[in-house]
Amino acid sequence: MFAQSSKHSDQAKQPAWPLTSALAVIINMNIDINERKSHFEKFREERLPVLHEFSKNLGFANPHEILLKPGMFLEALSNWLSEQEISEDNKVWLATRVGYYIGEYFVVTYDGCWSVCETSSSRYYGRFVVGEFSAFNNPAALLDPIEAAMHFVNEPKGRSLSNLVSEITESLGAL
């Protein structure tokens, strides 16, 4: 659902949830690839400090380690998120942080990297994705962490980030 091989590009480009104006900046349906690439540097500069601050605000011990060893935080973060009632007003804010976490988890755990998808036939075209995994057999495998996070925060209380990460891992490994 949130991972694909660029070989399977006939899937719809439309996400499965309502798009807000803030999220439209991240996932833009009318894409100017050069504009997206110009926004990518700001995205790269923002994501790690925001993720660190999120970890710190949640009271995690050694919050900086979420950037180096995100797997160590998966269960605690999953447990916290499972208990949250997420209001409409907070969904984009939380999805951004969860998306940064999911992306960093796959970058660190499976040796991937963030980039702007430039494959025009991909459903992820123009999005900030994680790919180029050395730990998966398919070099074209891609993950849209923000899309996965937005879907996740729209789930009811009891949601499991651990399960989502496992599903994505299985999906990427099967591509």
C-alpha atoms as a PDB file:
ATOM      1  CA  MET A   1       0.000   0.000   0.000  1.00  0.00           C
ATOM      2  CA  PHE A   2       2.762   2.501   0.920  1.00  0.00           C
ATOM      3  CA  ALA A   3       5.642   0.782  -0.827  1.00  0.00           C
ATOM      4  CA  GLN A   4       6.055  -0.012  -4.477  1.00  0.00           C
ATOM      5  CA  SER A   5       8.444  -0.909  -7.196  1.00  0.00           C
ATOM      6  CA  SER A   6       8.599   1.676  -9.958  1.00  0.00           C
ATOM      7  CA  LYS A   7       7.767  -1.210 -12.275  1.00  0.00           C
ATOM      8  CA  HIS A   8       4.199  -1.064 -10.906  1.00  0.00           C
ATOM      9  CA  SER A   9       3.391   2.491 -11.898  1.00  0.00           C
ATOM     10  CA  ASP A  10      -0.164   2.048 -13.135  1.00  0.00           C
ATOM     11  CA  GLN A  11      -1.605   2.607  -9.654  1.00  0.00           C
ATOM     12  CA  ALA A  12      -3.629   5.752  -9.034  1.00  0.00           C
ATOM     13  CA  LYS A  13      -1.688   8.800  -7.902  1.00  0.00           C
ATOM     14  CA  GLN A  14      -4.510   9.979  -5.621  1.00  0.00           C
ATOM     15  CA  PRO A  15      -4.038   9.268  -1.881  1.00  0.00           C
ATOM     16  CA  ALA A  16      -6.717   7.411   0.091  1.00  0.00           C
ATOM     17  CA  TRP A  17      -7.457  10.250   2.578  1.00  0.00           C
ATOM     18  CA  PRO A  18      -8.724  13.830   2.252  1.00  0.00           C
ATOM     19  CA  LEU A  19      -5.936  16.231   1.344  1.00  0.00           C
ATOM     20  CA  THR A  20      -5.433  19.324   3.498  1.00  0.00           C
ATOM     21  CA  SER A  21      -3.732  22.444   2.163  1.00  0.00           C
ATOM     22  CA  ALA A  22      -0.715  21.831   4.430  1.00  0.00           C
ATOM     23  CA  LEU A  23      -0.371  18.238   3.297  1.00  0.00           C
ATOM     24  CA  ALA A  24      -0.799  19.308  -0.318  1.00  0.00           C
ATOM     25  CA  VAL A  25       2.582  21.023  -0.013  1.00  0.00           C
ATOM     26  CA  ILE A  26       4.133  17.645   0.843  1.00  0.00           C
ATOM     27  CA  ILE A  27       2.045  15.562  -1.571  1.00  0.00           C
ATOM     28  CA  ASN A  28       1.195  17.781  -4.520  1.00  0.00           C
ATOM     29  CA  MET A  29      -1.029  16.400  -7.257  1.00  0.00           C
ATOM     30  CA  ASN A  30      -0.022  19.125  -9.787  1.00  0.00           C
ATOM     31  CA  ILE A  31       3.688  18.568  -9.665  1.00  0.00           C
ATOM     32  CA  ASP A  32       6.468  20.843 -10.776  1.00  0.00           C
ATOM     33  CA  ILE A  33       9.422  18.528 -10.209  1.00  0.00           C
ATOM     34  CA  ASN A  34      11.928  21.378 -10.061  1.00  0.00           C
ATOM     35  CA  GLU A  35       9.861  23.104  -7.394  1.00  0.00           C
ATOM     36  CA  ARG A  36       9.609  19.856  -5.403  1.00  0.00           C
ATOM     37  CA  LYS A  37      13.368  19.412  -5.630  1.00  0.00           C
ATOM     38  CA  SER A  38      13.881  22.971  -4.397  1.00  0.00           C
ATOM     39  CA  HIS A  39      11.668  22.213  -1.339  1.00  0.00           C
ATOM     40  CA  PHE A  40      13.604  19.036  -0.625  1.00  0.00           C
ATOM     41  CA  GLU A  41      16.582  20.818   0.947  1.00  0.00           C
ATOM     42  CA  LYS A  42      14.311  22.535   3.476  1.00  0.00           C
ATOM     43  CA  PHE A  43      12.671  19.180   4.161  1.00  0.00           C
ATOM     44  CA  ARG A  44      16.098  17.585   4.738  1.00  0.00           C
ATOM     45  CA  GLU A  45      17.116  20.354   7.137  1.00  0.00           C
ATOM     46  CA  GLU A  46      13.847  20.233   9.073  1.00  0.00           C
ATOM     47  CA  ARG A  47      13.142  16.545   9.589  1.00  0.00           C
ATOM     48  CA  LEU A  48      15.903  15.560  12.019  1.00  0.00           C
ATOM     49  CA  PRO A  49      15.520  18.504  14.450  1.00  0.00           C
ATOM     50  CA  VAL A  50      11.730  18.072  14.398  1.00  0.00           C
ATOM     51  CA  LEU A  51      12.030  14.334  15.079  1.00  0.00           C
ATOM     52  CA  HIS A  52      14.526  14.962  17.895  1.00  0.00           C
ATOM     53  CA  GLU A  53      12.250  17.576  19.490  1.00  0.00           C
ATOM     54  CA  PHE A  54       9.281  15.198  19.214  1.00  0.00           C
ATOM     55  CA  SER A  55      11.268  12.456  20.949  1.00  0.00           C
ATOM     56  CA  LYS A  56      12.373  14.889  23.638  1.00  0.00           C
ATOM     57  CA  ASN A  57       8.817  16.143  24.224  1.00  0.00           C
ATOM     58  CA  LEU A  58       7.602  12.572  24.637  1.00  0.00           C
ATOM     59  CA  GLY A  59      10.123  12.178  27.462  1.00  0.00           C
ATOM     60  CA  PHE A  60      12.208   9.464  25.837  1.00  0.00           C
ATOM     61  CA  ALA A  61      15.604   8.869  27.432  1.00  0.00           C
ATOM     62  CA  ASN A  62      18.452   9.971  25.153  1.00  0.00           C
ATOM     63  CA  PRO A  63      16.056  11.531  22.618  1.00  0.00           C
ATOM     64  CA  HIS A  64      18.880  12.232  20.151  1.00  0.00           C
ATOM     65  CA  GLU A  65      19.296   8.495  19.621  1.00  0.00           C
ATOM     66  CA  ILE A  66      15.995   8.368  17.726  1.00  0.00           C
ATOM     67  CA  LEU A  67      18.026   9.796  14.848  1.00  0.00           C
ATOM     68  CA  LEU A  68      20.751   7.137  15.066  1.00  0.00           C
ATOM     69  CA  LYS A  69      18.869   4.076  16.321  1.00  0.00           C
ATOM     70  CA  PRO A  70      15.184   4.602  15.528  1.00  0.00           C
ATOM     71  CA  GLY A  71      14.433   0.913  16.048  1.00  0.00           C
ATOM     72  CA  MET A  72      15.109   1.339  19.762  1.00  0.00           C
ATOM     73  CA  PHE A  73      12.121   3.693  19.955  1.00  0.00           C
ATOM     74  CA  LEU A  74       9.621   1.736  17.870  1.00  0.00           C
ATOM     75  CA  GLU A  75       7.757  -0.046  20.669  1.00  0.00           C
ATOM     76  CA  ALA A  76       7.619   2.970  22.989  1.00  0.00           C
ATOM     77  CA  LEU A  77       6.437   5.242  20.192  1.00  0.00           C
ATOM     78  CA  SER A  78       3.935   2.640  19.003  1.00  0.00           C
ATOM     79  CA  ASN A  79       2.557   2.254  22.527  1.00  0.00           C
ATOM     80  CA  TRP A  80       2.199   6.011  22.964  1.00  0.00           C
ATOM     81  CA  LEU A  81       0.533   6.465  19.570  1.00  0.00           C
ATOM     82  CA  SER A  82      -1.825   3.565  20.225  1.00  0.00           C
ATOM     83  CA  GLU A  83      -3.366   5.431  23.155  1.00  0.00           C
ATOM     84  CA  GLN A  84      -3.842   8.790  21.426  1.00  0.00           C
ATOM     85  CA  GLU A  85      -7.157  10.252  20.334  1.00  0.00           C
ATOM     86  CA  ILE A  86      -5.997  12.331  17.374  1.00  0.00           C
ATOM     87  CA  SER A  87      -8.115  15.367  16.554  1.00  0.00           C
ATOM     88  CA  GLU A  88      -8.531  16.577  12.984  1.00  0.00           C
ATOM     89  CA  ASP A  89      -6.535  19.693  13.902  1.00  0.00           C
ATOM     90  CA  ASN A  90      -3.521  17.593  14.956  1.00  0.00           C
ATOM     91  CA  LYS A  91      -3.441  14.968  12.216  1.00  0.00           C
ATOM     92  CA  VAL A  92      -1.098  16.765   9.815  1.00  0.00           C
ATOM     93  CA  TRP A  93       1.225  17.819  12.663  1.00  0.00           C
ATOM     94  CA  LEU A  94       1.433  14.259  14.002  1.00  0.00           C
ATOM     95  CA  ALA A  95       1.586  12.616  10.557  1.00  0.00           C
ATOM     96  CA  THR A  96       4.598  14.771   9.735  1.00  0.00           C
ATOM     97  CA  ARG A  97       6.481  13.545  12.803  1.00  0.00           C
ATOM     98  CA  VAL A  98       5.406   9.932  12.376  1.00  0.00           C
ATOM     99  CA  GLY A  99       6.364  10.156   8.692  1.00  0.00           C
ATOM    100  CA  TYR A 100       9.806  11.490   9.587  1.00  0.00           C
ATOM    101  CA  TYR A 101      10.180   8.612  12.048  1.00  0.00           C
ATOM    102  CA  ILE A 102       9.062   5.950   9.544  1.00  0.00           C
ATOM    103  CA  GLY A 103      11.437   7.365   6.945  1.00  0.00           C
ATOM    104  CA  GLU A 104      14.396   7.455   9.312  1.00  0.00           C
ATOM    105  CA  TYR A 105      13.584   3.957  10.543  1.00  0.00           C
ATOM    106  CA  PHE A 106      13.860   2.607   6.987  1.00  0.00           C
ATOM    107  CA  VAL A 107      16.900   4.732   6.134  1.00  0.00           C
ATOM    108  CA  VAL A 108      18.829   3.459   9.152  1.00  0.00           C
ATOM    109  CA  THR A 109      17.491  -0.102   9.393  1.00  0.00           C
ATOM    110  CA  TYR A 110      17.534  -1.004   5.685  1.00  0.00           C
ATOM    111  CA  ASP A 111      20.220   1.362   4.404  1.00  0.00           C
ATOM    112  CA  GLY A 112      17.942   3.521   2.314  1.00  0.00           C
ATOM    113  CA  CYS A 113      17.986   7.209   1.535  1.00  0.00           C
ATOM    114  CA  TRP A 114      15.527  10.061   1.176  1.00  0.00           C
ATOM    115  CA  SER A 115      15.024  11.592  -2.258  1.00  0.00           C
ATOM    116  CA  VAL A 116      12.465  13.236  -4.509  1.00  0.00           C
ATOM    117  CA  CYS A 117      10.861  10.632  -6.764  1.00  0.00           C
ATOM    118  CA  GLU A 118      11.636  11.739 -10.317  1.00  0.00           C
ATOM    119  CA  THR A 119      10.043   8.781 -12.118  1.00  0.00           C
ATOM    120  CA  SER A 120       7.091  10.465 -13.825  1.00  0.00           C
ATOM    121  CA  SER A 121       5.175   7.194 -14.198  1.00  0.00           C
ATOM    122  CA  SER A 122       5.404   6.423 -10.468  1.00  0.00           C
ATOM    123  CA  ARG A 123       2.493   7.083  -8.133  1.00  0.00           C
ATOM    124  CA  TYR A 124       5.136   8.737  -5.924  1.00  0.00           C
ATOM    125  CA  TYR A 125       6.287  11.201  -8.572  1.00  0.00           C
ATOM    126  CA  GLY A 126       7.411  14.430  -6.919  1.00  0.00           C
ATOM    127  CA  ARG A 127       7.051  13.064  -3.402  1.00  0.00           C
ATOM    128  CA  PHE A 128       9.749  12.789  -0.763  1.00  0.00           C
ATOM    129  CA  VAL A 129      10.383   9.055  -0.618  1.00  0.00           C
ATOM    130  CA  VAL A 130      12.804   6.566   0.866  1.00  0.00           C
ATOM    131  CA  GLY A 131      14.428   4.144  -1.539  1.00  0.00           C
ATOM    132  CA  GLU A 132      17.753   2.830  -2.822  1.00  0.00           C
ATOM    133  CA  PHE A 133      17.703   0.184  -0.091  1.00  0.00           C
ATOM    134  CA  SER A 134      20.764  -2.018  -0.015  1.00  0.00           C
ATOM    135  CA  ALA A 135      18.959  -4.492   2.252  1.00  0.00           C
ATOM    136  CA  PHE A 136      16.174  -5.349  -0.229  1.00  0.00           C
ATOM    137  CA  ASN A 137      16.587  -7.221  -3.500  1.00  0.00           C
ATOM    138  CA  ASN A 138      14.678  -4.694  -5.625  1.00  0.00           C
ATOM    139  CA  PRO A 139      16.626  -1.456  -6.184  1.00  0.00           C
ATOM    140  CA  ALA A 140      13.420   0.208  -7.458  1.00  0.00           C
ATOM    141  CA  ALA A 141      11.528  -0.308  -4.178  1.00  0.00           C
ATOM    142  CA  LEU A 142      10.149   2.962  -2.781  1.00  0.00           C
ATOM    143  CA  LEU A 143       8.360   4.007   0.375  1.00  0.00           C
ATOM    144  CA  ASP A 144       6.334   7.177   0.957  1.00  0.00           C
ATOM    145  CA  PRO A 145       6.634   7.613   4.741  1.00  0.00           C
ATOM    146  CA  ILE A 146       4.338  10.640   4.838  1.00  0.00           C
ATOM    147  CA  GLU A 147       1.561   8.768   3.029  1.00  0.00           C
ATOM    148  CA  ALA A 148       1.958   5.837   5.421  1.00  0.00           C
ATOM    149  CA  ALA A 149       1.894   8.193   8.408  1.00  0.00           C
ATOM    150  CA  MET A 150      -1.203  10.024   7.187  1.00  0.00           C
ATOM    151  CA  HIS A 151      -3.015   6.731   6.786  1.00  0.00           C
ATOM    152  CA  PHE A 152      -1.794   5.707  10.237  1.00  0.00           C
ATOM    153  CA  VAL A 153      -3.037   8.805  12.088  1.00  0.00           C
ATOM    154  CA  ASN A 154      -6.452   8.363  10.470  1.00  0.00           C
ATOM    155  CA  GLU A 155      -6.804   4.943  12.115  1.00  0.00           C
ATOM    156  CA  PRO A 156      -8.779   4.721  15.386  1.00  0.00           C
ATOM    157  CA  LYS A 157      -7.234   4.544  18.833  1.00  0.00           C
ATOM    158  CA  GLY A 158      -5.456   1.206  19.237  1.00  0.00           C
ATOM    159  CA  ARG A 159      -3.433   1.711  16.028  1.00  0.00           C
ATOM    160  CA  SER A 160       0.004   0.049  15.979  1.00  0.00           C
ATOM    161  CA  LEU A 161       3.057   1.699  14.484  1.00  0.00           C
ATOM    162  CA  SER A 162       4.953  -1.561  15.041  1.00  0.00           C
ATOM    163  CA  ASN A 163       2.453  -3.423  12.874  1.00  0.00           C
ATOM    164  CA  LEU A 164       2.594  -0.746  10.188  1.00  0.00           C
ATOM    165  CA  VAL A 165       6.399  -0.905  10.079  1.00  0.00           C
ATOM    166  CA  SER A 166       6.219  -4.707   9.826  1.00  0.00           C
ATOM    167  CA  GLU A 167       3.706  -4.493   6.966  1.00  0.00           C
ATOM    168  CA  ILE A 168       5.881  -2.017   5.090  1.00  0.00           C
ATOM    169  CA  THR A 169       8.977  -4.161   5.671  1.00  0.00           C
ATOM    170  CA  GLU A 170       7.188  -7.232   4.299  1.00  0.00           C
ATOM    171  CA  SER A 171       5.926  -5.254   1.343  1.00  0.00           C
ATOM    172  CA  LEU A 172       9.365  -3.866   0.482  1.00  0.00           C
ATOM    173  CA  GLY A 173      10.959  -7.285   0.873  1.00  0.00           C
ATOM    174  CA  ALA A 174       8.389  -8.823  -1.472  1.00  0.00           C
ATOM    175  CA  LEU A 175       8.887  -6.294  -4.276  1.00  0.00           C
END
